[in-house]
Amino acid sequence: LKPSITFSKSGILQKNANGTKSLVLWDGHRYSNDDG
């Protein structure tokens, strides 16, 4: 996968229906390099 950097001021851990957890982020920037 292509590298990426994500900044966020705040976030919360959220439990999914299958028992796993995801990270919900608010107010941020994501820098990605998708085309190389």
PDB file of all heavy atoms in Angstrom:
ATOM      1  N   LEU A   1       0.823  -1.199   0.000  1.00  0.00           N
ATOM      2  CA  LEU A   1       0.000   0.000   0.000  1.00  0.00           C
ATOM      3  C   LEU A   1       0.860   1.253   0.000  1.00  0.00           C
ATOM      4  O   LEU A   1       1.988   1.248   0.492  1.00  0.00           O
ATOM      5  CB  LEU A   1      -0.917  -0.004   1.244  1.00  0.00           C
ATOM      6  CG  LEU A   1      -1.971  -1.113   1.334  1.00  0.00           C
ATOM      7  CD1 LEU A   1      -2.759  -0.962   2.633  1.00  0.00           C
ATOM      8  CD2 LEU A   1      -2.909  -1.069   0.140  1.00  0.00           C
ATOM      9  N   LYS A   2       0.311   2.329  -0.567  1.00  0.00           N
ATOM     10  CA  LYS A   2       1.016   3.598  -0.603  1.00  0.00           C
ATOM     11  C   LYS A   2       1.061   4.217   0.790  1.00  0.00           C
ATOM     12  O   LYS A   2       0.140   4.048   1.587  1.00  0.00           O
ATOM     13  CB  LYS A   2       0.337   4.556  -1.580  1.00  0.00           C
ATOM     14  CG  LYS A   2       0.261   4.023  -3.011  1.00  0.00           C
ATOM     15  CD  LYS A   2       1.648   3.722  -3.555  1.00  0.00           C
ATOM     16  CE  LYS A   2       1.564   3.199  -4.986  1.00  0.00           C
ATOM     17  NZ  LYS A   2       2.912   2.865  -5.519  1.00  0.00           N
ATOM     18  N   PRO A   3       2.142   4.932   1.110  1.00  0.00           N
ATOM     19  CA  PRO A   3       2.258   5.526   2.449  1.00  0.00           C
ATOM     20  C   PRO A   3       1.266   6.671   2.632  1.00  0.00           C
ATOM     21  O   PRO A   3       0.862   7.335   1.675  1.00  0.00           O
ATOM     22  CB  PRO A   3       3.700   6.014   2.487  1.00  0.00           C
ATOM     23  CG  PRO A   3       4.066   6.247   1.057  1.00  0.00           C
ATOM     24  CD  PRO A   3       3.324   5.202   0.272  1.00  0.00           C
ATOM     25  N   SER A   4       0.893   6.914   3.875  1.00  0.00           N
ATOM     26  CA  SER A   4       0.000   8.026   4.194  1.00  0.00           C
ATOM     27  C   SER A   4       0.249   8.465   5.624  1.00  0.00           C
ATOM     28  O   SER A   4       0.741   7.689   6.454  1.00  0.00           O
ATOM     29  CB  SER A   4      -1.469   7.619   4.011  1.00  0.00           C
ATOM     30  OG  SER A   4      -1.837   6.640   4.970  1.00  0.00           O
ATOM     31  N   ILE A   5      -0.084   9.737   5.892  1.00  0.00           N
ATOM     32  CA  ILE A   5       0.043  10.319   7.238  1.00  0.00           C
ATOM     33  C   ILE A   5      -1.278  11.006   7.568  1.00  0.00           C
ATOM     34  O   ILE A   5      -1.833  11.733   6.745  1.00  0.00           O
ATOM     35  CB  ILE A   5       1.198  11.328   7.310  1.00  0.00           C
ATOM     36  CG1 ILE A   5       2.530  10.618   7.030  1.00  0.00           C
ATOM     37  CG2 ILE A   5       1.240  11.990   8.690  1.00  0.00           C
ATOM     38  CD1 ILE A   5       3.716  11.565   6.968  1.00  0.00           C
ATOM     39  N   THR A   6      -1.781  10.757   8.769  1.00  0.00           N
ATOM     40  CA  THR A   6      -3.062  11.317   9.181  1.00  0.00           C
ATOM     41  C   THR A   6      -2.907  12.062  10.497  1.00  0.00           C
ATOM     42  O   THR A   6      -2.329  11.511  11.454  1.00  0.00           O
ATOM     43  CB  THR A   6      -4.132  10.212   9.333  1.00  0.00           C
ATOM     44  OG1 THR A   6      -4.231   9.473   8.113  1.00  0.00           O
ATOM     45  CG2 THR A   6      -5.481  10.808   9.681  1.00  0.00           C
ATOM     46  N   PHE A   7      -3.381  13.316  10.539  1.00  0.00           N
ATOM     47  CA  PHE A   7      -3.431  14.105  11.771  1.00  0.00           C
ATOM     48  C   PHE A   7      -4.898  14.314  12.146  1.00  0.00           C
ATOM     49  O   PHE A   7      -5.746  14.519  11.279  1.00  0.00           O
ATOM     50  CB  PHE A   7      -2.763  15.477  11.576  1.00  0.00           C
ATOM     51  CG  PHE A   7      -1.295  15.409  11.275  1.00  0.00           C
ATOM     52  CD1 PHE A   7      -0.842  15.423   9.960  1.00  0.00           C
ATOM     53  CD2 PHE A   7      -0.376  15.340  12.304  1.00  0.00           C
ATOM     54  CE1 PHE A   7       0.504  15.363   9.669  1.00  0.00           C
ATOM     55  CE2 PHE A   7       0.980  15.283  12.011  1.00  0.00           C
ATOM     56  CZ  PHE A   7       1.427  15.290  10.698  1.00  0.00           C
ATOM     57  N   SER A   8      -5.158  14.332  13.441  1.00  0.00           N
ATOM     58  CA  SER A   8      -6.512  14.598  13.905  1.00  0.00           C
ATOM     59  C   SER A   8      -6.464  15.214  15.296  1.00  0.00           C
ATOM     60  O   SER A   8      -5.631  14.828  16.128  1.00  0.00           O
ATOM     61  CB  SER A   8      -7.342  13.304  13.943  1.00  0.00           C
ATOM     62  OG  SER A   8      -8.622  13.534  14.464  1.00  0.00           O
ATOM     63  N   LYS A   9      -7.371  16.182  15.542  1.00  0.00           N
ATOM     64  CA  LYS A   9      -7.411  16.816  16.859  1.00  0.00           C
ATOM     65  C   LYS A   9      -7.999  15.898  17.923  1.00  0.00           C
ATOM     66  O   LYS A   9      -7.586  15.929  19.079  1.00  0.00           O
ATOM     67  CB  LYS A   9      -8.230  18.104  16.785  1.00  0.00           C
ATOM     68  CG  LYS A   9      -7.592  19.203  15.957  1.00  0.00           C
ATOM     69  CD  LYS A   9      -8.450  20.460  15.975  1.00  0.00           C
ATOM     70  CE  LYS A   9      -7.800  21.570  15.160  1.00  0.00           C
ATOM     71  NZ  LYS A   9      -8.643  22.806  15.173  1.00  0.00           N
ATOM     72  N   SER A  10      -8.981  15.082  17.551  1.00  0.00           N
ATOM     73  CA  SER A  10      -9.626  14.208  18.524  1.00  0.00           C
ATOM     74  C   SER A  10     -10.154  12.961  17.834  1.00  0.00           C
ATOM     75  O   SER A  10     -10.280  12.910  16.607  1.00  0.00           O
ATOM     76  CB  SER A  10     -10.776  14.941  19.240  1.00  0.00           C
ATOM     77  OG  SER A  10     -11.774  15.328  18.307  1.00  0.00           O
ATOM     78  N   GLY A  11     -10.457  11.967  18.641  1.00  0.00           N
ATOM     79  CA  GLY A  11     -10.982  10.712  18.115  1.00  0.00           C
ATOM     80  C   GLY A  11     -11.540   9.856  19.228  1.00  0.00           C
ATOM     81  O   GLY A  11     -11.378  10.164  20.424  1.00  0.00           O
ATOM     82  N   ILE A  12     -12.189   8.794  18.840  1.00  0.00           N
ATOM     83  CA  ILE A  12     -12.775   7.883  19.820  1.00  0.00           C
ATOM     84  C   ILE A  12     -12.695   6.460  19.290  1.00  0.00           C
ATOM     85  O   ILE A  12     -12.781   6.226  18.076  1.00  0.00           O
ATOM     86  CB  ILE A  12     -14.248   8.268  20.118  1.00  0.00           C
ATOM     87  CG1 ILE A  12     -14.785   7.422  21.274  1.00  0.00           C
ATOM     88  CG2 ILE A  12     -15.119   8.119  18.889  1.00  0.00           C
ATOM     89  CD1 ILE A  12     -16.135   7.878  21.760  1.00  0.00           C
ATOM     90  N   LEU A  13     -12.474   5.514  20.213  1.00  0.00           N
ATOM     91  CA  LEU A  13     -12.454   4.107  19.847  1.00  0.00           C
ATOM     92  C   LEU A  13     -13.884   3.596  19.792  1.00  0.00           C
ATOM     93  O   LEU A  13     -14.644   3.739  20.749  1.00  0.00           O
ATOM     94  CB  LEU A  13     -11.645   3.300  20.857  1.00  0.00           C
ATOM     95  CG  LEU A  13     -10.147   3.605  20.917  1.00  0.00           C
ATOM     96  CD1 LEU A  13      -9.493   2.822  22.037  1.00  0.00           C
ATOM     97  CD2 LEU A  13      -9.483   3.286  19.593  1.00  0.00           C
ATOM     98  N   GLN A  14     -14.248   2.982  18.692  1.00  0.00           N
ATOM     99  CA  GLN A  14     -15.621   2.517  18.485  1.00  0.00           C
ATOM    100  C   GLN A  14     -15.625   1.014  18.274  1.00  0.00           C
ATOM    101  O   GLN A  14     -14.854   0.485  17.468  1.00  0.00           O
ATOM    102  CB  GLN A  14     -16.218   3.219  17.265  1.00  0.00           C
ATOM    103  CG  GLN A  14     -17.623   2.774  16.908  1.00  0.00           C
ATOM    104  CD  GLN A  14     -18.161   3.573  15.736  1.00  0.00           C
ATOM    105  OE1 GLN A  14     -18.597   4.701  15.881  1.00  0.00           O
ATOM    106  NE2 GLN A  14     -18.105   2.979  14.548  1.00  0.00           N
ATOM    107  N   LYS A  15     -16.491   0.310  19.011  1.00  0.00           N
ATOM    108  CA  LYS A  15     -16.591  -1.144  18.888  1.00  0.00           C
ATOM    109  C   LYS A  15     -17.551  -1.503  17.772  1.00  0.00           C
ATOM    110  O   LYS A  15     -18.671  -0.997  17.697  1.00  0.00           O
ATOM    111  CB  LYS A  15     -17.069  -1.755  20.205  1.00  0.00           C
ATOM    112  CG  LYS A  15     -16.981  -3.277  20.235  1.00  0.00           C
ATOM    113  CD  LYS A  15     -17.264  -3.829  21.616  1.00  0.00           C
ATOM    114  CE  LYS A  15     -17.071  -5.334  21.642  1.00  0.00           C
ATOM    115  NZ  LYS A  15     -17.323  -5.894  22.996  1.00  0.00           N
ATOM    116  N   ASN A  16     -17.117  -2.396  16.882  1.00  0.00           N
ATOM    117  CA  ASN A  16     -17.935  -2.811  15.752  1.00  0.00           C
ATOM    118  C   ASN A  16     -18.797  -4.012  16.116  1.00  0.00           C
ATOM    119  O   ASN A  16     -18.620  -4.647  17.151  1.00  0.00           O
ATOM    120  CB  ASN A  16     -17.046  -3.144  14.544  1.00  0.00           C
ATOM    121  CG  ASN A  16     -16.174  -1.972  14.152  1.00  0.00           C
ATOM    122  OD1 ASN A  16     -16.624  -0.826  14.177  1.00  0.00           O
ATOM    123  ND2 ASN A  16     -14.928  -2.253  13.796  1.00  0.00           N
ATOM    124  N   ALA A  17     -19.719  -4.336  15.228  1.00  0.00           N
ATOM    125  CA  ALA A  17     -20.647  -5.440  15.489  1.00  0.00           C
ATOM    126  C   ALA A  17     -19.937  -6.790  15.543  1.00  0.00           C
ATOM    127  O   ALA A  17     -20.365  -7.697  16.247  1.00  0.00           O
ATOM    128  CB  ALA A  17     -21.737  -5.461  14.408  1.00  0.00           C
ATOM    129  N   ASN A  18     -18.819  -6.936  14.813  1.00  0.00           N
ATOM    130  CA  ASN A  18     -18.095  -8.204  14.792  1.00  0.00           C
ATOM    131  C   ASN A  18     -17.081  -8.335  15.923  1.00  0.00           C
ATOM    132  O   ASN A  18     -16.303  -9.280  15.959  1.00  0.00           O
ATOM    133  CB  ASN A  18     -17.377  -8.379  13.454  1.00  0.00           C
ATOM    134  CG  ASN A  18     -16.377  -7.261  13.186  1.00  0.00           C
ATOM    135  OD1 ASN A  18     -16.228  -6.328  13.970  1.00  0.00           O
ATOM    136  ND2 ASN A  18     -15.694  -7.364  12.059  1.00  0.00           N
ATOM    137  N   GLY A  19     -17.081  -7.375  16.863  1.00  0.00           N
ATOM    138  CA  GLY A  19     -16.184  -7.458  18.015  1.00  0.00           C
ATOM    139  C   GLY A  19     -14.878  -6.720  17.841  1.00  0.00           C
ATOM    140  O   GLY A  19     -14.149  -6.526  18.809  1.00  0.00           O
ATOM    141  N   THR A  20     -14.558  -6.282  16.610  1.00  0.00           N
ATOM    142  CA  THR A  20     -13.332  -5.523  16.378  1.00  0.00           C
ATOM    143  C   THR A  20     -13.567  -4.056  16.738  1.00  0.00           C
ATOM    144  O   THR A  20     -14.682  -3.647  17.044  1.00  0.00           O
ATOM    145  CB  THR A  20     -12.896  -5.642  14.910  1.00  0.00           C
ATOM    146  OG1 THR A  20     -13.916  -5.085  14.075  1.00  0.00           O
ATOM    147  CG2 THR A  20     -12.683  -7.105  14.540  1.00  0.00           C
ATOM    148  N   LYS A  21     -12.486  -3.254  16.689  1.00  0.00           N
ATOM    149  CA  LYS A  21     -12.600  -1.833  17.016  1.00  0.00           C
ATOM    150  C   LYS A  21     -12.019  -0.998  15.878  1.00  0.00           C
ATOM    151  O   LYS A  21     -11.051  -1.391  15.228  1.00  0.00           O
ATOM    152  CB  LYS A  21     -11.872  -1.518  18.321  1.00  0.00           C
ATOM    153  CG  LYS A  21     -12.600  -2.036  19.550  1.00  0.00           C
ATOM    154  CD  LYS A  21     -11.968  -1.510  20.828  1.00  0.00           C
ATOM    155  CE  LYS A  21     -12.765  -1.956  22.042  1.00  0.00           C
ATOM    156  NZ  LYS A  21     -12.222  -1.421  23.303  1.00  0.00           N
ATOM    157  N   SER A  22     -12.630   0.146  15.686  1.00  0.00           N
ATOM    158  CA  SER A  22     -12.140   1.097  14.698  1.00  0.00           C
ATOM    159  C   SER A  22     -11.943   2.441  15.382  1.00  0.00           C
ATOM    160  O   SER A  22     -12.468   2.691  16.473  1.00  0.00           O
ATOM    161  CB  SER A  22     -13.124   1.222  13.531  1.00  0.00           C
ATOM    162  OG  SER A  22     -14.415   1.584  14.000  1.00  0.00           O
ATOM    163  N   LEU A  23     -11.191   3.319  14.733  1.00  0.00           N
ATOM    164  CA  LEU A  23     -10.869   4.630  15.280  1.00  0.00           C
ATOM    165  C   LEU A  23     -11.602   5.707  14.485  1.00  0.00           C
ATOM    166  O   LEU A  23     -11.387   5.860  13.289  1.00  0.00           O
ATOM    167  CB  LEU A  23      -9.353   4.850  15.219  1.00  0.00           C
ATOM    168  CG  LEU A  23      -8.797   6.108  15.884  1.00  0.00           C
ATOM    169  CD1 LEU A  23      -9.166   6.158  17.352  1.00  0.00           C
ATOM    170  CD2 LEU A  23      -7.279   6.139  15.725  1.00  0.00           C
ATOM    171  N   VAL A  24     -12.511   6.416  15.159  1.00  0.00           N
ATOM    172  CA  VAL A  24     -13.259   7.504  14.525  1.00  0.00           C
ATOM    173  C   VAL A  24     -12.542   8.819  14.815  1.00  0.00           C
ATOM    174  O   VAL A  24     -12.347   9.185  15.982  1.00  0.00           O
ATOM    175  CB  VAL A  24     -14.709   7.559  15.043  1.00  0.00           C
ATOM    176  CG1 VAL A  24     -15.472   8.688  14.357  1.00  0.00           C
ATOM    177  CG2 VAL A  24     -15.410   6.225  14.807  1.00  0.00           C
ATOM    178  N   LEU A  25     -12.132   9.538  13.749  1.00  0.00           N
ATOM    179  CA  LEU A  25     -11.355  10.771  13.887  1.00  0.00           C
ATOM    180  C   LEU A  25     -12.203  11.983  13.491  1.00  0.00           C
ATOM    181  O   LEU A  25     -13.058  11.893  12.596  1.00  0.00           O
ATOM    182  CB  LEU A  25     -10.113  10.700  12.992  1.00  0.00           C
ATOM    183  CG  LEU A  25      -9.193   9.491  13.182  1.00  0.00           C
ATOM    184  CD1 LEU A  25      -8.084   9.512  12.149  1.00  0.00           C
ATOM    185  CD2 LEU A  25      -8.630   9.456  14.587  1.00  0.00           C
ATOM    186  N   TRP A  26     -11.934  13.117  14.144  1.00  0.00           N
ATOM    187  CA  TRP A  26     -12.613  14.370  13.830  1.00  0.00           C
ATOM    188  C   TRP A  26     -11.600  15.481  13.604  1.00  0.00           C
ATOM    189  O   TRP A  26     -10.547  15.516  14.272  1.00  0.00           O
ATOM    190  CB  TRP A  26     -13.554  14.793  14.963  1.00  0.00           C
ATOM    191  CG  TRP A  26     -14.784  13.934  15.089  1.00  0.00           C
ATOM    192  CD1 TRP A  26     -15.835  13.870  14.228  1.00  0.00           C
ATOM    193  CD2 TRP A  26     -15.074  13.021  16.144  1.00  0.00           C
ATOM    194  NE1 TRP A  26     -16.766  12.974  14.675  1.00  0.00           N
ATOM    195  CE2 TRP A  26     -16.337  12.436  15.861  1.00  0.00           C
ATOM    196  CE3 TRP A  26     -14.407  12.628  17.311  1.00  0.00           C
ATOM    197  CZ2 TRP A  26     -16.934  11.495  16.664  1.00  0.00           C
ATOM    198  CZ3 TRP A  26     -15.002  11.683  18.126  1.00  0.00           C
ATOM    199  CH2 TRP A  26     -16.251  11.131  17.801  1.00  0.00           C
ATOM    200  N   ASP A  27     -11.925  16.367  12.661  1.00  0.00           N
ATOM    201  CA  ASP A  27     -11.149  17.595  12.414  1.00  0.00           C
ATOM    202  C   ASP A  27      -9.672  17.288  12.182  1.00  0.00           C
ATOM    203  O   ASP A  27      -8.831  17.462  13.071  1.00  0.00           O
ATOM    204  CB  ASP A  27     -11.292  18.573  13.593  1.00  0.00           C
ATOM    205  CG  ASP A  27     -12.727  19.001  13.786  1.00  0.00           C
ATOM    206  OD1 ASP A  27     -13.437  19.154  12.771  1.00  0.00           O
ATOM    207  OD2 ASP A  27     -13.141  19.161  14.956  1.00  0.00           O
ATOM    208  N   GLY A  28      -9.359  16.828  10.996  1.00  0.00           N
ATOM    209  CA  GLY A  28      -7.977  16.480  10.721  1.00  0.00           C
ATOM    210  C   GLY A  28      -7.618  16.545   9.253  1.00  0.00           C
ATOM    211  O   GLY A  28      -8.420  16.964   8.399  1.00  0.00           O
ATOM    212  N   HIS A  29      -6.411  16.142   8.950  1.00  0.00           N
ATOM    213  CA  HIS A  29      -5.879  16.107   7.581  1.00  0.00           C
ATOM    214  C   HIS A  29      -5.261  14.738   7.330  1.00  0.00           C
ATOM    215  O   HIS A  29      -4.661  14.135   8.225  1.00  0.00           O
ATOM    216  CB  HIS A  29      -4.808  17.188   7.378  1.00  0.00           C
ATOM    217  CG  HIS A  29      -5.336  18.589   7.472  1.00  0.00           C
ATOM    218  ND1 HIS A  29      -5.664  19.344   6.363  1.00  0.00           N
ATOM    219  CD2 HIS A  29      -5.594  19.387   8.559  1.00  0.00           C
ATOM    220  CE1 HIS A  29      -6.089  20.527   6.759  1.00  0.00           C
ATOM    221  NE2 HIS A  29      -6.060  20.576   8.089  1.00  0.00           N
ATOM    222  N   ARG A  30      -5.406  14.290   6.072  1.00  0.00           N
ATOM    223  CA  ARG A  30      -4.767  13.047   5.657  1.00  0.00           C
ATOM    224  C   ARG A  30      -3.931  13.310   4.415  1.00  0.00           C
ATOM    225  O   ARG A  30      -4.449  13.798   3.403  1.00  0.00           O
ATOM    226  CB  ARG A  30      -5.807  11.966   5.356  1.00  0.00           C
ATOM    227  CG  ARG A  30      -5.192  10.598   4.999  1.00  0.00           C
ATOM    228  CD  ARG A  30      -6.281   9.548   4.821  1.00  0.00           C
ATOM    229  NE  ARG A  30      -5.710   8.233   4.654  1.00  0.00           N
ATOM    230  CZ  ARG A  30      -5.395   7.662   3.482  1.00  0.00           C
ATOM    231  NH1 ARG A  30      -5.596   8.360   2.353  1.00  0.00           N
ATOM    232  NH2 ARG A  30      -4.886   6.452   3.427  1.00  0.00           N
ATOM    233  N   TYR A  31      -2.646  13.041   4.513  1.00  0.00           N
ATOM    234  CA  TYR A  31      -1.715  13.242   3.411  1.00  0.00           C
ATOM    235  C   TYR A  31      -1.375  11.874   2.826  1.00  0.00           C
ATOM    236  O   TYR A  31      -0.828  11.000   3.531  1.00  0.00           O
ATOM    237  CB  TYR A  31      -0.452  13.950   3.895  1.00  0.00           C
ATOM    238  CG  TYR A  31      -0.718  15.301   4.532  1.00  0.00           C
ATOM    239  CD1 TYR A  31      -0.891  15.409   5.918  1.00  0.00           C
ATOM    240  CD2 TYR A  31      -0.803  16.447   3.765  1.00  0.00           C
ATOM    241  CE1 TYR A  31      -1.143  16.636   6.513  1.00  0.00           C
ATOM    242  CE2 TYR A  31      -1.053  17.690   4.348  1.00  0.00           C
ATOM    243  CZ  TYR A  31      -1.221  17.762   5.719  1.00  0.00           C
ATOM    244  OH  TYR A  31      -1.477  18.987   6.311  1.00  0.00           O
ATOM    245  N   SER A  32      -1.669  11.687   1.549  1.00  0.00           N
ATOM    246  CA  SER A  32      -1.454  10.386   0.916  1.00  0.00           C
ATOM    247  C   SER A  32      -0.800  10.552  -0.442  1.00  0.00           C
ATOM    248  O   SER A  32      -0.920  11.597  -1.089  1.00  0.00           O
ATOM    249  CB  SER A  32      -2.781   9.640   0.749  1.00  0.00           C
ATOM    250  OG  SER A  32      -3.684  10.375  -0.065  1.00  0.00           O
ATOM    251  N   ASN A  33      -0.132   9.508  -0.860  1.00  0.00           N
ATOM    252  CA  ASN A  33       0.548   9.488  -2.153  1.00  0.00           C
ATOM    253  C   ASN A  33       0.033   8.273  -2.910  1.00  0.00           C
ATOM    254  O   ASN A  33       0.582   7.183  -2.822  1.00  0.00           O
ATOM    255  CB  ASN A  33       2.055   9.406  -1.940  1.00  0.00           C
ATOM    256  CG  ASN A  33       2.825   9.410  -3.247  1.00  0.00           C
ATOM    257  OD1 ASN A  33       2.232   9.479  -4.320  1.00  0.00           O
ATOM    258  ND2 ASN A  33       4.133   9.346  -3.153  1.00  0.00           N
ATOM    259  N   ASP A  34      -1.061   8.452  -3.638  1.00  0.00           N
ATOM    260  CA  ASP A  34      -1.730   7.324  -4.276  1.00  0.00           C
ATOM    261  C   ASP A  34      -1.194   6.999  -5.660  1.00  0.00           C
ATOM    262  O   ASP A  34      -1.335   5.867  -6.133  1.00  0.00           O
ATOM    263  CB  ASP A  34      -3.246   7.603  -4.382  1.00  0.00           C
ATOM    264  CG  ASP A  34      -3.874   7.778  -3.006  1.00  0.00           C
ATOM    265  OD1 ASP A  34      -3.400   7.111  -2.062  1.00  0.00           O
ATOM    266  OD2 ASP A  34      -4.836   8.566  -2.881  1.00  0.00           O
ATOM    267  N   ASP A  35      -0.602   7.986  -6.358  1.00  0.00           N
ATOM    268  CA  ASP A  35      -0.158   7.748  -7.738  1.00  0.00           C
ATOM    269  C   ASP A  35       1.340   7.524  -7.865  1.00  0.00           C
ATOM    270  O   ASP A  35       1.861   7.365  -8.974  1.00  0.00           O
ATOM    271  CB  ASP A  35      -0.572   8.919  -8.634  1.00  0.00           C
ATOM    272  CG  ASP A  35      -0.049  10.258  -8.097  1.00  0.00           C
ATOM    273  OD1 ASP A  35       0.682  10.235  -7.077  1.00  0.00           O
ATOM    274  OD2 ASP A  35      -0.385  11.295  -8.691  1.00  0.00           O
ATOM    275  N   GLY A  36       2.051   7.500  -6.726  1.00  0.00           N
ATOM    276  CA  GLY A  36       3.486   7.234  -6.769  1.00  0.00           C
ATOM    277  C   GLY A  36       4.346   8.428  -7.092  1.00  0.00           C
ATOM    278  O   GLY A  36       5.569   8.310  -7.191  1.00  0.00           O
TER     279      GLY A  36
END
